[in-house]
Amino acid sequence: MATSEEARDALYELITSEAERVARIEDDELRNESIESLANAYRQVVGDA
């Protein structure tokens, strides 16, 4: 089982790689939807703090 630090690091890596992928989307509407989806997933994991 991963420690909370390992889990946090893994989540950071996942978010970073996904954000880099989203940044390459050329269609503005699709990119904005993807950013919103990524932000919602992040909030679900870490809360709205």
PDB file of N, CA and C in Angstrom:
ATOM      1  N   MET A   1       0.846  -1.186   0.000  1.00  0.00           N
ATOM      2  CA  MET A   1       0.000   0.000   0.000  1.00  0.00           C
ATOM      3  C   MET A   1       0.889   1.246   0.000  1.00  0.00           C
ATOM      4  N   ALA A   2       0.526   2.214  -0.805  1.00  0.00           N
ATOM      5  CA  ALA A   2       1.312   3.443  -0.934  1.00  0.00           C
ATOM      6  C   ALA A   2       1.106   4.358   0.265  1.00  0.00           C
ATOM      7  N   THR A   3       2.170   5.043   0.627  1.00  0.00           N
ATOM      8  CA  THR A   3       2.048   6.051   1.674  1.00  0.00           C
ATOM      9  C   THR A   3       1.313   7.251   1.098  1.00  0.00           C
ATOM     10  N   SER A   4       0.869   8.139   1.974  1.00  0.00           N
ATOM     11  CA  SER A   4       0.165   9.322   1.486  1.00  0.00           C
ATOM     12  C   SER A   4       1.090  10.189   0.633  1.00  0.00           C
ATOM     13  N   GLU A   5       2.372  10.223   0.966  1.00  0.00           N
ATOM     14  CA  GLU A   5       3.323  11.000   0.165  1.00  0.00           C
ATOM     15  C   GLU A   5       3.490  10.377  -1.218  1.00  0.00           C
ATOM     16  N   GLU A   6       3.581   9.050  -1.279  1.00  0.00           N
ATOM     17  CA  GLU A   6       3.699   8.368  -2.569  1.00  0.00           C
ATOM     18  C   GLU A   6       2.440   8.577  -3.404  1.00  0.00           C
ATOM     19  N   ALA A   7       1.293   8.503  -2.757  1.00  0.00           N
ATOM     20  CA  ALA A   7       0.030   8.714  -3.459  1.00  0.00           C
ATOM     21  C   ALA A   7      -0.064  10.142  -3.978  1.00  0.00           C
ATOM     22  N   ARG A   8       0.344  11.102  -3.168  1.00  0.00           N
ATOM     23  CA  ARG A   8       0.324  12.507  -3.583  1.00  0.00           C
ATOM     24  C   ARG A   8       1.257  12.715  -4.769  1.00  0.00           C
ATOM     25  N   ASP A   9       2.452  12.128  -4.712  1.00  0.00           N
ATOM     26  CA  ASP A   9       3.411  12.249  -5.812  1.00  0.00           C
ATOM     27  C   ASP A   9       2.864  11.626  -7.097  1.00  0.00           C
ATOM     28  N   ALA A  10       2.223  10.470  -6.966  1.00  0.00           N
ATOM     29  CA  ALA A  10       1.648   9.805  -8.133  1.00  0.00           C
ATOM     30  C   ALA A  10       0.518  10.643  -8.726  1.00  0.00           C
ATOM     31  N   LEU A  11      -0.303  11.222  -7.863  1.00  0.00           N
ATOM     32  CA  LEU A  11      -1.390  12.078  -8.331  1.00  0.00           C
ATOM     33  C   LEU A  11      -0.834  13.306  -9.037  1.00  0.00           C
ATOM     34  N   TYR A  12       0.210  13.896  -8.488  1.00  0.00           N
ATOM     35  CA  TYR A  12       0.843  15.058  -9.113  1.00  0.00           C
ATOM     36  C   TYR A  12       1.355  14.699 -10.504  1.00  0.00           C
ATOM     37  N   GLU A  13       2.011  13.554 -10.626  1.00  0.00           N
ATOM     38  CA  GLU A  13       2.532  13.119 -11.927  1.00  0.00           C
ATOM     39  C   GLU A  13       1.400  12.901 -12.928  1.00  0.00           C
ATOM     40  N   LEU A  14       0.317  12.288 -12.475  1.00  0.00           N
ATOM     41  CA  LEU A  14      -0.827  12.047 -13.348  1.00  0.00           C
ATOM     42  C   LEU A  14      -1.442  13.361 -13.812  1.00  0.00           C
ATOM     43  N   ILE A  15      -1.662  14.273 -12.888  1.00  0.00           N
ATOM     44  CA  ILE A  15      -2.250  15.567 -13.236  1.00  0.00           C
ATOM     45  C   ILE A  15      -1.334  16.332 -14.182  1.00  0.00           C
ATOM     46  N   THR A  16      -0.045  16.308 -13.914  1.00  0.00           N
ATOM     47  CA  THR A  16       0.914  17.014 -14.765  1.00  0.00           C
ATOM     48  C   THR A  16       0.909  16.456 -16.182  1.00  0.00           C
ATOM     49  N   SER A  17       0.949  15.142 -16.316  1.00  0.00           N
ATOM     50  CA  SER A  17       0.974  14.553 -17.657  1.00  0.00           C
ATOM     51  C   SER A  17      -0.341  14.804 -18.387  1.00  0.00           C
ATOM     52  N   GLU A  18      -1.447  14.745 -17.670  1.00  0.00           N
ATOM     53  CA  GLU A  18      -2.740  15.005 -18.297  1.00  0.00           C
ATOM     54  C   GLU A  18      -2.860  16.477 -18.697  1.00  0.00           C
ATOM     55  N   ALA A  19      -2.373  17.379 -17.864  1.00  0.00           N
ATOM     56  CA  ALA A  19      -2.408  18.809 -18.190  1.00  0.00           C
ATOM     57  C   ALA A  19      -1.561  19.092 -19.429  1.00  0.00           C
ATOM     58  N   GLU A  20      -0.430  18.422 -19.555  1.00  0.00           N
ATOM     59  CA  GLU A  20       0.415  18.596 -20.742  1.00  0.00           C
ATOM     60  C   GLU A  20      -0.298  18.092 -21.993  1.00  0.00           C
ATOM     61  N   ARG A  21      -1.007  16.987 -21.871  1.00  0.00           N
ATOM     62  CA  ARG A  21      -1.765  16.449 -23.002  1.00  0.00           C
ATOM     63  C   ARG A  21      -2.876  17.421 -23.395  1.00  0.00           C
ATOM     64  N   VAL A  22      -3.610  17.918 -22.406  1.00  0.00           N
ATOM     65  CA  VAL A  22      -4.712  18.841 -22.662  1.00  0.00           C
ATOM     66  C   VAL A  22      -4.202  20.124 -23.317  1.00  0.00           C
ATOM     67  N   ALA A  23      -3.048  20.591 -22.902  1.00  0.00           N
ATOM     68  CA  ALA A  23      -2.491  21.829 -23.458  1.00  0.00           C
ATOM     69  C   ALA A  23      -2.211  21.707 -24.954  1.00  0.00           C
ATOM     70  N   ARG A  24      -2.027  20.490 -25.441  1.00  0.00           N
ATOM     71  CA  ARG A  24      -1.739  20.286 -26.870  1.00  0.00           C
ATOM     72  C   ARG A  24      -3.002  20.201 -27.728  1.00  0.00           C
ATOM     73  N   ILE A  25      -4.170  20.191 -27.102  1.00  0.00           N
ATOM     74  CA  ILE A  25      -5.423  20.122 -27.861  1.00  0.00           C
ATOM     75  C   ILE A  25      -5.634  21.454 -28.573  1.00  0.00           C
ATOM     76  N   GLU A  26      -5.788  21.407 -29.873  1.00  0.00           N
ATOM     77  CA  GLU A  26      -5.901  22.637 -30.661  1.00  0.00           C
ATOM     78  C   GLU A  26      -7.307  23.225 -30.648  1.00  0.00           C
ATOM     79  N   ASP A  27      -8.324  22.397 -30.550  1.00  0.00           N
ATOM     80  CA  ASP A  27      -9.706  22.874 -30.548  1.00  0.00           C
ATOM     81  C   ASP A  27     -10.016  23.531 -29.198  1.00  0.00           C
ATOM     82  N   ASP A  28     -10.328  24.829 -29.222  1.00  0.00           N
ATOM     83  CA  ASP A  28     -10.550  25.582 -27.983  1.00  0.00           C
ATOM     84  C   ASP A  28     -11.656  24.993 -27.123  1.00  0.00           C
ATOM     85  N   GLU A  29     -12.784  24.635 -27.738  1.00  0.00           N
ATOM     86  CA  GLU A  29     -13.916  24.115 -26.977  1.00  0.00           C
ATOM     87  C   GLU A  29     -13.558  22.780 -26.323  1.00  0.00           C
ATOM     88  N   LEU A  30     -12.942  21.898 -27.066  1.00  0.00           N
ATOM     89  CA  LEU A  30     -12.544  20.597 -26.523  1.00  0.00           C
ATOM     90  C   LEU A  30     -11.497  20.768 -25.429  1.00  0.00           C
ATOM     91  N   ARG A  31     -10.539  21.673 -25.641  1.00  0.00           N
ATOM     92  CA  ARG A  31      -9.511  21.925 -24.629  1.00  0.00           C
ATOM     93  C   ARG A  31     -10.150  22.446 -23.340  1.00  0.00           C
ATOM     94  N   ASN A  32     -11.083  23.394 -23.458  1.00  0.00           N
ATOM     95  CA  ASN A  32     -11.742  23.937 -22.272  1.00  0.00           C
ATOM     96  C   ASN A  32     -12.549  22.874 -21.538  1.00  0.00           C
ATOM     97  N   GLU A  33     -13.247  22.011 -22.281  1.00  0.00           N
ATOM     98  CA  GLU A  33     -13.990  20.915 -21.657  1.00  0.00           C
ATOM     99  C   GLU A  33     -13.035  19.960 -20.939  1.00  0.00           C
ATOM    100  N   SER A  34     -11.897  19.696 -21.549  1.00  0.00           N
ATOM    101  CA  SER A  34     -10.912  18.802 -20.944  1.00  0.00           C
ATOM    102  C   SER A  34     -10.316  19.409 -19.678  1.00  0.00           C
ATOM    103  N   ILE A  35     -10.062  20.710 -19.702  1.00  0.00           N
ATOM    104  CA  ILE A  35      -9.544  21.394 -18.511  1.00  0.00           C
ATOM    105  C   ILE A  35     -10.564  21.321 -17.387  1.00  0.00           C
ATOM    106  N   GLU A  36     -11.831  21.566 -17.712  1.00  0.00           N
ATOM    107  CA  GLU A  36     -12.885  21.499 -16.701  1.00  0.00           C
ATOM    108  C   GLU A  36     -12.999  20.093 -16.123  1.00  0.00           C
ATOM    109  N   SER A  37     -12.917  19.089 -16.978  1.00  0.00           N
ATOM    110  CA  SER A  37     -12.987  17.703 -16.528  1.00  0.00           C
ATOM    111  C   SER A  37     -11.808  17.357 -15.621  1.00  0.00           C
ATOM    112  N   LEU A  38     -10.625  17.798 -15.993  1.00  0.00           N
ATOM    113  CA  LEU A  38      -9.431  17.558 -15.180  1.00  0.00           C
ATOM    114  C   LEU A  38      -9.554  18.249 -13.828  1.00  0.00           C
ATOM    115  N   ALA A  39     -10.046  19.477 -13.820  1.00  0.00           N
ATOM    116  CA  ALA A  39     -10.229  20.213 -12.567  1.00  0.00           C
ATOM    117  C   ALA A  39     -11.251  19.519 -11.673  1.00  0.00           C
ATOM    118  N   ASN A  40     -12.329  19.017 -12.253  1.00  0.00           N
ATOM    119  CA  ASN A  40     -13.337  18.303 -11.466  1.00  0.00           C
ATOM    120  C   ASN A  40     -12.765  17.027 -10.863  1.00  0.00           C
ATOM    121  N   ALA A  41     -11.983  16.292 -11.636  1.00  0.00           N
ATOM    122  CA  ALA A  41     -11.364  15.067 -11.120  1.00  0.00           C
ATOM    123  C   ALA A  41     -10.409  15.393  -9.982  1.00  0.00           C
ATOM    124  N   TYR A  42      -9.635  16.459 -10.133  1.00  0.00           N
ATOM    125  CA  TYR A  42      -8.705  16.884  -9.081  1.00  0.00           C
ATOM    126  C   TYR A  42      -9.476  17.224  -7.805  1.00  0.00           C
ATOM    127  N   ARG A  43     -10.568  17.976  -7.946  1.00  0.00           N
ATOM    128  CA  ARG A  43     -11.369  18.346  -6.769  1.00  0.00           C
ATOM    129  C   ARG A  43     -11.942  17.116  -6.072  1.00  0.00           C
ATOM    130  N   GLN A  44     -12.344  16.120  -6.839  1.00  0.00           N
ATOM    131  CA  GLN A  44     -12.889  14.901  -6.247  1.00  0.00           C
ATOM    132  C   GLN A  44     -11.841  14.179  -5.414  1.00  0.00           C
ATOM    133  N   VAL A  45     -10.598  14.247  -5.847  1.00  0.00           N
ATOM    134  CA  VAL A  45      -9.530  13.540  -5.146  1.00  0.00           C
ATOM    135  C   VAL A  45      -9.045  14.320  -3.934  1.00  0.00           C
ATOM    136  N   VAL A  46      -8.814  15.614  -4.088  1.00  0.00           N
ATOM    137  CA  VAL A  46      -8.209  16.394  -3.002  1.00  0.00           C
ATOM    138  C   VAL A  46      -9.186  17.304  -2.281  1.00  0.00           C
ATOM    139  N   GLY A  47     -10.398  17.412  -2.769  1.00  0.00           N
ATOM    140  CA  GLY A  47     -11.376  18.285  -2.137  1.00  0.00           C
ATOM    141  C   GLY A  47     -11.308  19.690  -2.700  1.00  0.00           C
ATOM    142  N   ASP A  48     -12.191  20.528  -2.225  1.00  0.00           N
ATOM    143  CA  ASP A  48     -12.305  21.893  -2.739  1.00  0.00           C
ATOM    144  C   ASP A  48     -11.480  22.890  -1.961  1.00  0.00           C
ATOM    145  N   ALA A  49     -10.587  22.434  -1.123  1.00  0.00           N
ATOM    146  CA  ALA A  49      -9.810  23.315  -0.247  1.00  0.00           C
ATOM    147  C   ALA A  49      -9.044  24.365  -0.934  1.00  0.00           C
TER     148      ALA A  49
END
